Amino acid sequence: MHFKIIVSNGHYPLEYRCSTAAEAYGCIESLSTGLLQDVSIDLDEIMEMLVAMKTGKLLGTDRHKYKILRMDGEV
């Protein structure tokens, strides 16, 4: 299981693959001060969603400019 983060970027979306929830959280945290600085991101909510994805209670989330998806299989 791994996480895929997709950031909308016009016709060229950016994709990040993270092997752990901690890595995915760090990626979103970095994006929140960079590419996604104009998007309101609640990092506590992100942490809760990542835990729910890790335990299988949530498959993903689709936000205004980004998505976080739980992917089965290796990175």
N, C-alpha and C. Protein backbone atom coordinates (compact mmCIF):
# COMPACT_ATOMS: atom_id res chain seq x y z
N MET A 1 0.84 -1.16 0.00
CA MET A 1 0.00 0.00 0.00
C MET A 1 0.89 1.24 0.00
N HIS A 2 0.50 2.24 -0.78
CA HIS A 2 1.21 3.52 -0.78
C HIS A 2 0.20 4.62 -1.06
N PHE A 3 0.66 5.84 -1.01
CA PHE A 3 -0.19 7.00 -1.22
C PHE A 3 0.25 7.71 -2.49
N LYS A 4 -0.73 8.18 -3.25
CA LYS A 4 -0.45 8.97 -4.44
C LYS A 4 -1.07 10.35 -4.23
N ILE A 5 -0.26 11.38 -4.39
CA ILE A 5 -0.73 12.76 -4.28
C ILE A 5 -0.65 13.37 -5.67
N ILE A 6 -1.78 13.88 -6.14
CA ILE A 6 -1.84 14.47 -7.47
C ILE A 6 -2.22 15.94 -7.32
N VAL A 7 -1.38 16.81 -7.86
CA VAL A 7 -1.62 18.26 -7.80
C VAL A 7 -1.99 18.72 -9.20
N SER A 8 -3.15 19.40 -9.32
CA SER A 8 -3.54 19.90 -10.63
C SER A 8 -2.56 20.99 -11.05
N ASN A 9 -2.19 20.96 -12.31
CA ASN A 9 -1.20 21.90 -12.83
C ASN A 9 -1.51 22.11 -14.31
N GLY A 10 -2.73 22.59 -14.58
CA GLY A 10 -3.14 22.76 -15.97
C GLY A 10 -3.22 21.42 -16.67
N HIS A 11 -2.60 21.31 -17.83
CA HIS A 11 -2.61 20.07 -18.61
C HIS A 11 -1.54 19.09 -18.15
N TYR A 12 -0.72 19.49 -17.18
CA TYR A 12 0.39 18.65 -16.73
C TYR A 12 0.33 18.45 -15.21
N PRO A 13 -0.58 17.57 -14.73
CA PRO A 13 -0.66 17.35 -13.29
C PRO A 13 0.64 16.76 -12.74
N LEU A 14 0.96 17.13 -11.53
CA LEU A 14 2.16 16.62 -10.85
C LEU A 14 1.75 15.48 -9.94
N GLU A 15 2.53 14.44 -9.91
CA GLU A 15 2.20 13.25 -9.14
C GLU A 15 3.35 12.89 -8.21
N TYR A 16 3.02 12.64 -6.96
CA TYR A 16 3.99 12.23 -5.96
C TYR A 16 3.54 10.89 -5.41
N ARG A 17 4.47 9.97 -5.24
CA ARG A 17 4.16 8.67 -4.66
C ARG A 17 4.91 8.56 -3.33
N CYS A 18 4.18 8.21 -2.30
CA CYS A 18 4.76 8.14 -0.96
C CYS A 18 4.52 6.75 -0.39
N SER A 19 5.54 6.18 0.21
CA SER A 19 5.42 4.81 0.72
C SER A 19 4.83 4.74 2.12
N THR A 20 4.80 5.86 2.85
CA THR A 20 4.23 5.86 4.20
C THR A 20 3.31 7.06 4.39
N ALA A 21 2.48 6.98 5.42
CA ALA A 21 1.60 8.10 5.75
C ALA A 21 2.42 9.31 6.18
N ALA A 22 3.51 9.06 6.90
CA ALA A 22 4.38 10.16 7.35
C ALA A 22 4.99 10.88 6.15
N GLU A 23 5.41 10.13 5.15
CA GLU A 23 5.98 10.73 3.95
C GLU A 23 4.93 11.54 3.19
N ALA A 24 3.71 11.01 3.11
CA ALA A 24 2.61 11.72 2.44
C ALA A 24 2.27 13.01 3.20
N TYR A 25 2.27 12.95 4.52
CA TYR A 25 2.00 14.13 5.33
C TYR A 25 3.08 15.19 5.08
N GLY A 26 4.33 14.79 5.07
CA GLY A 26 5.43 15.71 4.80
C GLY A 26 5.33 16.33 3.43
N CYS A 27 4.89 15.55 2.46
CA CYS A 27 4.72 16.06 1.10
C CYS A 27 3.63 17.14 1.07
N ILE A 28 2.50 16.87 1.68
CA ILE A 28 1.41 17.86 1.73
C ILE A 28 1.85 19.09 2.51
N GLU A 29 2.58 18.88 3.60
CA GLU A 29 3.07 20.00 4.40
C GLU A 29 3.99 20.90 3.56
N SER A 30 4.87 20.30 2.79
CA SER A 30 5.76 21.07 1.92
C SER A 30 4.98 21.78 0.82
N LEU A 31 4.02 21.08 0.23
CA LEU A 31 3.20 21.69 -0.83
C LEU A 31 2.38 22.87 -0.31
N SER A 32 1.97 22.79 0.98
CA SER A 32 1.14 23.86 1.54
C SER A 32 1.89 25.19 1.66
N THR A 33 3.21 25.13 1.66
CA THR A 33 3.99 26.38 1.72
C THR A 33 4.64 26.69 0.38
N GLY A 34 4.34 25.88 -0.62
CA GLY A 34 4.92 26.08 -1.95
C GLY A 34 3.85 26.17 -3.00
N LEU A 35 3.74 25.11 -3.79
CA LEU A 35 2.83 25.07 -4.92
C LEU A 35 1.36 25.29 -4.53
N LEU A 36 0.99 24.83 -3.34
CA LEU A 36 -0.40 24.96 -2.88
C LEU A 36 -0.57 26.04 -1.81
N GLN A 37 0.30 27.03 -1.81
CA GLN A 37 0.24 28.06 -0.76
C GLN A 37 -1.05 28.87 -0.79
N ASP A 38 -1.73 28.91 -1.93
CA ASP A 38 -2.98 29.67 -2.03
C ASP A 38 -4.21 28.83 -1.65
N VAL A 39 -4.00 27.57 -1.25
CA VAL A 39 -5.09 26.67 -0.87
C VAL A 39 -5.09 26.53 0.65
N SER A 40 -6.26 26.61 1.24
CA SER A 40 -6.39 26.42 2.68
C SER A 40 -6.28 24.93 2.99
N ILE A 41 -5.24 24.54 3.71
CA ILE A 41 -5.00 23.13 4.03
C ILE A 41 -4.94 22.99 5.55
N ASP A 42 -5.83 22.17 6.10
CA ASP A 42 -5.86 21.87 7.53
C ASP A 42 -5.01 20.62 7.75
N LEU A 43 -3.81 20.79 8.26
CA LEU A 43 -2.89 19.66 8.41
C LEU A 43 -3.39 18.62 9.41
N ASP A 44 -4.17 19.03 10.42
CA ASP A 44 -4.76 18.06 11.34
C ASP A 44 -5.74 17.16 10.59
N GLU A 45 -6.54 17.76 9.73
CA GLU A 45 -7.49 17.00 8.92
C GLU A 45 -6.75 16.06 7.96
N ILE A 46 -5.65 16.53 7.39
CA ILE A 46 -4.84 15.69 6.51
C ILE A 46 -4.33 14.47 7.27
N MET A 47 -3.84 14.67 8.48
CA MET A 47 -3.34 13.56 9.30
C MET A 47 -4.46 12.55 9.56
N GLU A 48 -5.65 13.02 9.92
CA GLU A 48 -6.77 12.13 10.17
C GLU A 48 -7.14 11.34 8.92
N MET A 49 -7.14 11.99 7.76
CA MET A 49 -7.47 11.31 6.52
C MET A 49 -6.42 10.25 6.17
N LEU A 50 -5.15 10.57 6.36
CA LEU A 50 -4.09 9.61 6.06
C LEU A 50 -4.19 8.38 6.95
N VAL A 51 -4.52 8.58 8.21
CA VAL A 51 -4.69 7.44 9.12
C VAL A 51 -5.89 6.60 8.68
N ALA A 52 -6.98 7.26 8.29
CA ALA A 52 -8.16 6.54 7.81
C ALA A 52 -7.85 5.77 6.52
N MET A 53 -7.03 6.35 5.67
CA MET A 53 -6.62 5.66 4.44
C MET A 53 -5.74 4.46 4.77
N LYS A 54 -4.82 4.64 5.70
CA LYS A 54 -3.90 3.57 6.07
C LYS A 54 -4.66 2.38 6.66
N THR A 55 -5.71 2.64 7.42
CA THR A 55 -6.49 1.56 8.04
C THR A 55 -7.58 1.04 7.11
N GLY A 56 -7.72 1.60 5.92
CA GLY A 56 -8.70 1.11 4.95
C GLY A 56 -10.09 1.70 5.09
N LYS A 57 -10.27 2.67 5.96
CA LYS A 57 -11.58 3.28 6.15
C LYS A 57 -11.90 4.33 5.09
N LEU A 58 -10.88 4.80 4.38
CA LEU A 58 -11.04 5.83 3.37
C LEU A 58 -10.12 5.49 2.20
N LEU A 59 -10.63 5.62 0.98
CA LEU A 59 -9.82 5.30 -0.20
C LEU A 59 -9.08 6.51 -0.75
N GLY A 60 -9.59 7.71 -0.46
CA GLY A 60 -8.93 8.91 -0.95
C GLY A 60 -9.75 10.15 -0.70
N THR A 61 -9.20 11.27 -1.10
CA THR A 61 -9.89 12.53 -0.98
C THR A 61 -9.57 13.39 -2.21
N ASP A 62 -10.55 14.11 -2.67
CA ASP A 62 -10.39 14.95 -3.85
C ASP A 62 -10.71 16.39 -3.44
N ARG A 63 -9.70 17.21 -3.37
CA ARG A 63 -9.84 18.60 -2.97
C ARG A 63 -9.77 19.50 -4.19
N HIS A 64 -9.84 20.80 -3.98
CA HIS A 64 -9.89 21.78 -5.08
C HIS A 64 -8.71 21.65 -6.04
N LYS A 65 -7.49 21.62 -5.54
CA LYS A 65 -6.32 21.58 -6.41
C LYS A 65 -5.44 20.35 -6.23
N TYR A 66 -5.88 19.42 -5.39
CA TYR A 66 -5.07 18.22 -5.17
C TYR A 66 -5.95 17.03 -4.76
N LYS A 67 -5.39 15.84 -4.93
CA LYS A 67 -6.03 14.60 -4.51
C LYS A 67 -5.01 13.79 -3.73
N ILE A 68 -5.51 13.03 -2.78
CA ILE A 68 -4.68 12.06 -2.09
C ILE A 68 -5.40 10.72 -2.23
N LEU A 69 -4.72 9.72 -2.74
CA LEU A 69 -5.32 8.42 -3.00
C LEU A 69 -4.55 7.31 -2.30
N ARG A 70 -5.26 6.34 -1.80
CA ARG A 70 -4.64 5.13 -1.26
C ARG A 70 -4.50 4.16 -2.42
N MET A 71 -3.30 3.68 -2.64
CA MET A 71 -3.03 2.76 -3.74
C MET A 71 -2.53 1.44 -3.17
N ASP A 72 -3.07 0.35 -3.67
CA ASP A 72 -2.58 -0.96 -3.24
C ASP A 72 -1.37 -1.34 -4.10
N GLY A 73 -0.50 -2.11 -3.55
CA GLY A 73 0.72 -2.50 -4.26
C GLY A 73 1.90 -1.65 -3.82
N GLU A 74 3.03 -1.97 -4.38
CA GLU A 74 4.28 -1.28 -4.05
C GLU A 74 4.39 0.05 -4.76
N VAL A 75 5.27 0.91 -4.27
CA VAL A 75 5.49 2.25 -4.85
C VAL A 75 6.10 2.13 -6.20
